[in-house]
N, C-alpha and C. Protein backbone atom coordinates (compact mmCIF):
# COMPACT_ATOMS: atom_id res chain seq x y z
N ALA A 1 0.19 -21.38 -3.26
CA ALA A 1 -1.01 -20.62 -3.54
C ALA A 1 -1.01 -19.58 -4.41
N PHE A 2 0.82 -19.46 -5.21
CA PHE A 2 1.04 -18.09 -5.77
C PHE A 2 1.00 -18.23 -7.34
N ARG A 3 1.35 -19.57 -7.57
CA ARG A 3 1.02 -20.14 -8.69
C ARG A 3 -0.77 -20.50 -8.51
N SER A 4 -1.17 -19.85 -7.80
CA SER A 4 -3.10 -20.08 -8.10
C SER A 4 -2.91 -18.88 -8.38
N LEU A 5 -2.95 -17.78 -8.24
CA LEU A 5 -3.45 -16.36 -7.34
C LEU A 5 -2.42 -16.28 -9.41
N GLN A 6 -1.62 -16.70 -9.47
CA GLN A 6 -1.37 -16.54 -11.06
C GLN A 6 -2.64 -16.33 -12.59
N GLN A 7 -2.62 -17.64 -12.35
CA GLN A 7 -3.95 -18.07 -12.94
C GLN A 7 -5.08 -17.49 -13.01
N ARG A 8 -5.29 -17.78 -12.12
CA ARG A 8 -6.96 -16.80 -11.45
C ARG A 8 -6.84 -15.68 -10.55
N PRO A 9 -6.32 -14.33 -10.73
CA PRO A 9 -6.15 -13.32 -10.11
C PRO A 9 -7.56 -12.83 -9.43
N VAL A 10 -7.21 -12.49 -7.74
CA VAL A 10 -8.83 -12.89 -6.75
C VAL A 10 -8.28 -11.22 -6.54
N HIS A 11 -9.11 -10.63 -5.98
CA HIS A 11 -9.00 -8.83 -5.44
C HIS A 11 -8.65 -8.61 -3.47
N LEU A 12 -8.76 -9.91 -2.75
CA LEU A 12 -8.62 -9.73 -0.90
C LEU A 12 -8.04 -11.36 -1.52
N ILE A 13 -6.94 -11.33 -0.22
CA ILE A 13 -5.81 -13.06 -0.01
C ILE A 13 -5.57 -12.49 1.14
N ILE A 14 -6.62 -13.22 1.39
CA ILE A 14 -6.43 -13.75 2.96
C ILE A 14 -5.49 -14.99 3.54
N SER A 15 -3.66 -14.79 4.26
CA SER A 15 -2.86 -15.51 4.14
C SER A 15 -2.69 -15.92 5.38
N ASP A 16 -2.42 -17.49 5.63
CA ASP A 16 -1.69 -17.61 7.06
C ASP A 16 -0.27 -17.16 7.29
N GLN A 17 0.30 -16.80 8.22
CA GLN A 17 1.68 -16.57 8.67
C GLN A 17 2.17 -17.97 8.51
N ASN A 18 1.65 -18.62 8.91
CA ASN A 18 2.45 -20.10 8.89
C ASN A 18 2.35 -21.12 8.10
N MET A 19 2.91 -21.12 7.02
CA MET A 19 2.53 -22.09 5.60
C MET A 19 3.71 -23.43 5.49
N PRO A 20 3.37 -24.32 4.79
CA PRO A 20 3.88 -25.30 4.71
C PRO A 20 4.94 -24.76 3.52
N GLY A 21 6.44 -24.28 3.39
CA GLY A 21 6.98 -24.36 1.93
C GLY A 21 7.24 -22.36 2.31
N MET A 22 6.80 -21.63 2.78
CA MET A 22 6.33 -20.53 2.51
C MET A 22 5.58 -19.34 3.40
N THR A 23 5.51 -18.09 4.02
CA THR A 23 4.84 -17.89 5.13
C THR A 23 4.50 -16.69 3.94
N GLY A 24 3.31 -16.65 5.14
CA GLY A 24 2.77 -15.47 4.67
C GLY A 24 3.27 -14.02 4.15
N LEU A 25 4.53 -13.66 4.78
CA LEU A 25 5.24 -12.69 4.19
C LEU A 25 5.53 -12.29 2.39
N GLN A 26 6.51 -13.74 2.77
CA GLN A 26 6.62 -14.41 1.78
C GLN A 26 5.83 -14.64 0.38
N LEU A 27 4.83 -15.30 0.84
CA LEU A 27 3.07 -15.09 0.26
C LEU A 27 3.32 -13.05 -0.53
N LEU A 28 3.37 -12.74 0.25
CA LEU A 28 2.83 -11.08 0.34
C LEU A 28 3.85 -10.36 -0.90
N HIS A 29 5.00 -10.46 -0.58
CA HIS A 29 6.30 -10.87 -1.12
C HIS A 29 6.37 -10.56 -2.85
N SER A 30 5.42 -11.81 -2.57
CA SER A 30 6.00 -12.58 -4.15
C SER A 30 4.61 -11.99 -4.83
N VAL A 31 3.42 -11.63 -4.25
CA VAL A 31 2.19 -10.92 -5.10
C VAL A 31 2.55 -9.81 -5.32
N ARG A 32 2.93 -9.19 -3.61
CA ARG A 32 3.70 -7.37 -5.09
C ARG A 32 4.84 -7.33 -5.54
N SER A 33 5.39 -8.09 -5.58
CA SER A 33 6.84 -7.72 -6.54
C SER A 33 5.30 -8.42 -8.69
N TYR A 34 4.65 -9.14 -8.13
CA TYR A 34 3.88 -9.37 -9.95
C TYR A 34 3.13 -8.97 -10.12
N ALA A 35 3.42 -7.92 -10.88
CA ALA A 35 2.51 -6.59 -12.00
C ALA A 35 0.49 -7.01 -11.24
N PRO A 36 0.26 -7.84 -12.57
CA PRO A 36 -1.41 -8.08 -12.55
C PRO A 36 -1.99 -8.12 -10.34
N LEU A 37 -1.50 -8.79 -10.12
CA LEU A 37 -1.37 -8.85 -8.29
C LEU A 37 -1.12 -7.66 -7.24
N VAL A 38 -0.57 -6.35 -8.48
CA VAL A 38 0.40 -5.82 -6.97
C VAL A 38 -0.74 -4.95 -6.41
N LYS A 39 -2.11 -4.68 -6.85
CA LYS A 39 -3.13 -4.05 -5.81
C LYS A 39 -3.97 -4.56 -5.30
N THR A 40 -3.51 -5.97 -5.43
CA THR A 40 -4.34 -7.07 -5.05
C THR A 40 -4.37 -6.61 -2.27
N GLY A 41 -5.60 -6.53 -2.35
CA GLY A 41 -5.49 -6.29 -1.15
C GLY A 41 -5.11 -8.25 -0.29
N PHE A 42 -4.35 -6.84 0.53
CA PHE A 42 -3.66 -8.51 1.59
C PHE A 42 -3.98 -8.40 2.77
N ILE A 43 -4.46 -9.66 3.64
CA ILE A 43 -4.57 -9.21 5.52
C ILE A 43 -4.23 -11.08 5.35
N LEU A 44 -2.91 -10.47 6.29
CA LEU A 44 -2.03 -11.59 7.45
C LEU A 44 -2.30 -11.89 8.40
N VAL A 45 -3.20 -13.57 8.77
CA VAL A 45 -3.36 -13.95 10.27
C VAL A 45 -2.29 -14.77 10.54
N THR A 46 -2.16 -14.31 11.68
CA THR A 46 -1.48 -15.23 12.58
C THR A 46 -1.59 -15.15 14.63
N GLY A 47 -1.06 -15.56 14.57
CA GLY A 47 -1.26 -16.42 16.26
C GLY A 47 -0.38 -15.26 16.80
N ASN A 48 1.03 -15.04 16.39
CA ASN A 48 1.74 -13.86 17.13
C ASN A 48 2.50 -12.43 16.21
N PRO A 49 1.65 -12.12 15.76
CA PRO A 49 2.30 -11.47 15.31
C PRO A 49 3.09 -9.46 15.83
N THR A 50 3.93 -10.89 15.95
CA THR A 50 5.63 -9.61 16.04
C THR A 50 5.85 -8.11 15.73
N PRO A 51 6.27 -7.03 16.82
CA PRO A 51 6.93 -5.85 15.79
C PRO A 51 7.24 -6.20 14.49
N ASP A 52 8.34 -7.03 14.83
CA ASP A 52 9.47 -7.31 13.24
C ASP A 52 8.67 -7.82 12.11
N MET A 53 7.06 -8.55 12.31
CA MET A 53 6.56 -8.81 11.42
C MET A 53 5.79 -7.69 11.24
N VAL A 54 5.29 -7.06 11.45
CA VAL A 54 4.13 -5.83 11.01
C VAL A 54 5.16 -5.43 10.23
N THR A 55 6.27 -4.95 10.87
CA THR A 55 6.94 -3.72 10.24
C THR A 55 7.42 -4.27 8.91
N LYS A 56 7.95 -5.59 8.59
CA LYS A 56 8.15 -6.61 7.85
C LYS A 56 6.67 -6.47 6.83
N GLY A 57 5.68 -6.67 7.31
CA GLY A 57 4.86 -6.54 6.41
C GLY A 57 4.42 -5.60 6.14
N LYS A 58 4.22 -4.01 6.52
CA LYS A 58 3.94 -2.38 5.63
C LYS A 58 4.82 -2.33 5.18
N ALA A 59 6.06 -2.51 4.80
CA ALA A 59 7.26 -2.43 4.06
C ALA A 59 6.45 -3.08 3.09
N LEU A 60 6.10 -3.75 3.17
CA LEU A 60 5.21 -4.79 1.58
C LEU A 60 4.38 -4.72 0.63
N GLY A 61 3.99 -3.82 1.89
CA GLY A 61 2.60 -3.41 1.40
C GLY A 61 1.63 -3.87 2.13
N LEU A 62 1.07 -4.78 3.24
CA LEU A 62 0.75 -5.41 4.20
C LEU A 62 -0.93 -4.86 4.32
N ASN A 63 -1.58 -4.82 3.23
CA ASN A 63 -3.48 -4.01 3.81
C ASN A 63 -3.77 -4.34 5.59
N ASN A 64 -3.66 -5.22 5.95
CA ASN A 64 -4.70 -5.70 6.72
C ASN A 64 -3.80 -6.81 8.31
N ILE A 65 -3.57 -7.12 9.26
CA ILE A 65 -3.12 -8.10 9.40
C ILE A 65 -4.47 -8.55 10.80
N ILE A 66 -4.37 -9.51 11.45
CA ILE A 66 -5.71 -9.92 12.13
C ILE A 66 -4.80 -11.34 13.17
N LYS A 67 -5.23 -11.08 14.63
CA LYS A 67 -4.43 -12.33 15.24
C LYS A 67 -5.45 -13.20 15.65
N LYS A 68 -4.69 -14.10 15.60
CA LYS A 68 -6.07 -15.36 16.16
C LYS A 68 -5.61 -15.90 17.29
N PRO A 69 -6.95 -16.07 18.62
CA PRO A 69 -7.96 -16.41 17.80
C PRO A 69 -9.02 -14.78 17.65
N PHE A 70 -9.73 -14.83 16.28
CA PHE A 70 -10.61 -13.81 16.41
C PHE A 70 -11.92 -14.41 15.66
N SER A 71 -12.43 -13.63 15.98
CA SER A 71 -14.22 -13.43 15.62
C SER A 71 -14.84 -13.17 14.47
N THR A 72 -15.47 -13.50 14.12
CA THR A 72 -16.81 -13.33 12.82
C THR A 72 -16.36 -12.30 13.00
N ALA A 73 -17.71 -10.60 13.79
CA ALA A 73 -17.02 -9.88 13.81
C ALA A 73 -15.76 -9.94 13.74
N SER A 74 -14.99 -9.67 14.34
CA SER A 74 -13.26 -8.53 14.29
C SER A 74 -13.08 -8.94 12.51
N MET A 75 -13.01 -10.01 11.94
CA MET A 75 -12.31 -10.65 10.70
C MET A 75 -13.26 -9.41 9.24
N LYS A 76 -14.23 -9.33 10.06
CA LYS A 76 -15.33 -8.80 9.47
C LYS A 76 -15.14 -7.31 9.04
N GLN A 77 -14.69 -6.51 10.01
CA GLN A 77 -13.91 -5.42 10.38
C GLN A 77 -12.84 -5.29 9.35
N CYS A 78 -11.57 -6.52 9.72
CA CYS A 78 -11.02 -6.06 9.13
C CYS A 78 -10.86 -6.58 7.89
N ILE A 79 -11.81 -7.34 6.82
CA ILE A 79 -11.95 -7.47 5.52
C ILE A 79 -12.67 -6.07 5.13
N GLU A 80 -13.26 -5.22 5.98
CA GLU A 80 -14.06 -3.86 5.30
C GLU A 80 -12.99 -2.47 5.58
N THR A 81 -11.66 -2.83 6.66
CA THR A 81 -10.46 -1.89 6.27
C THR A 81 -10.32 -1.56 5.07
N VAL A 82 -10.55 -2.43 4.16
CA VAL A 82 -9.29 -2.69 3.21
C VAL A 82 -10.21 -3.06 1.58
N VAL A 83 -10.96 -2.71 1.66
CA VAL A 83 -12.66 -3.32 0.57
C VAL A 83 -13.91 -2.48 0.61
N GLY A 84 -13.83 -1.66 2.17
CA GLY A 84 -14.57 -0.90 2.18
C GLY A 84 -16.36 -1.87 2.77
N ARG A 85 -17.34 -1.29 2.82
CA ARG A 85 -18.13 -2.13 3.94
C ARG A 85 -18.86 -2.86 3.41
N LEU A 86 -19.20 -3.79 3.28
CA LEU A 86 -19.80 -4.81 3.48
C LEU A 86 -21.33 -5.44 3.19
């Protein structure tokens, strides 16, 4: 995912925490460490948002987090807090 983002930057990343090879927080750390992506919005999706995960995410510059399962309306609201009204 990170290599793809380096080649084709985006305005918003919605990432699951549990992925093969790298967690969502590890991806966030990579994104925030790469100057062209440092201001990219980042939403973390997880089924179990622990206090430690939230604290680490905030320290890394996480813009928002959403707990699975979620509705379309709650995802829309989550996105809008990062990018503005859709």
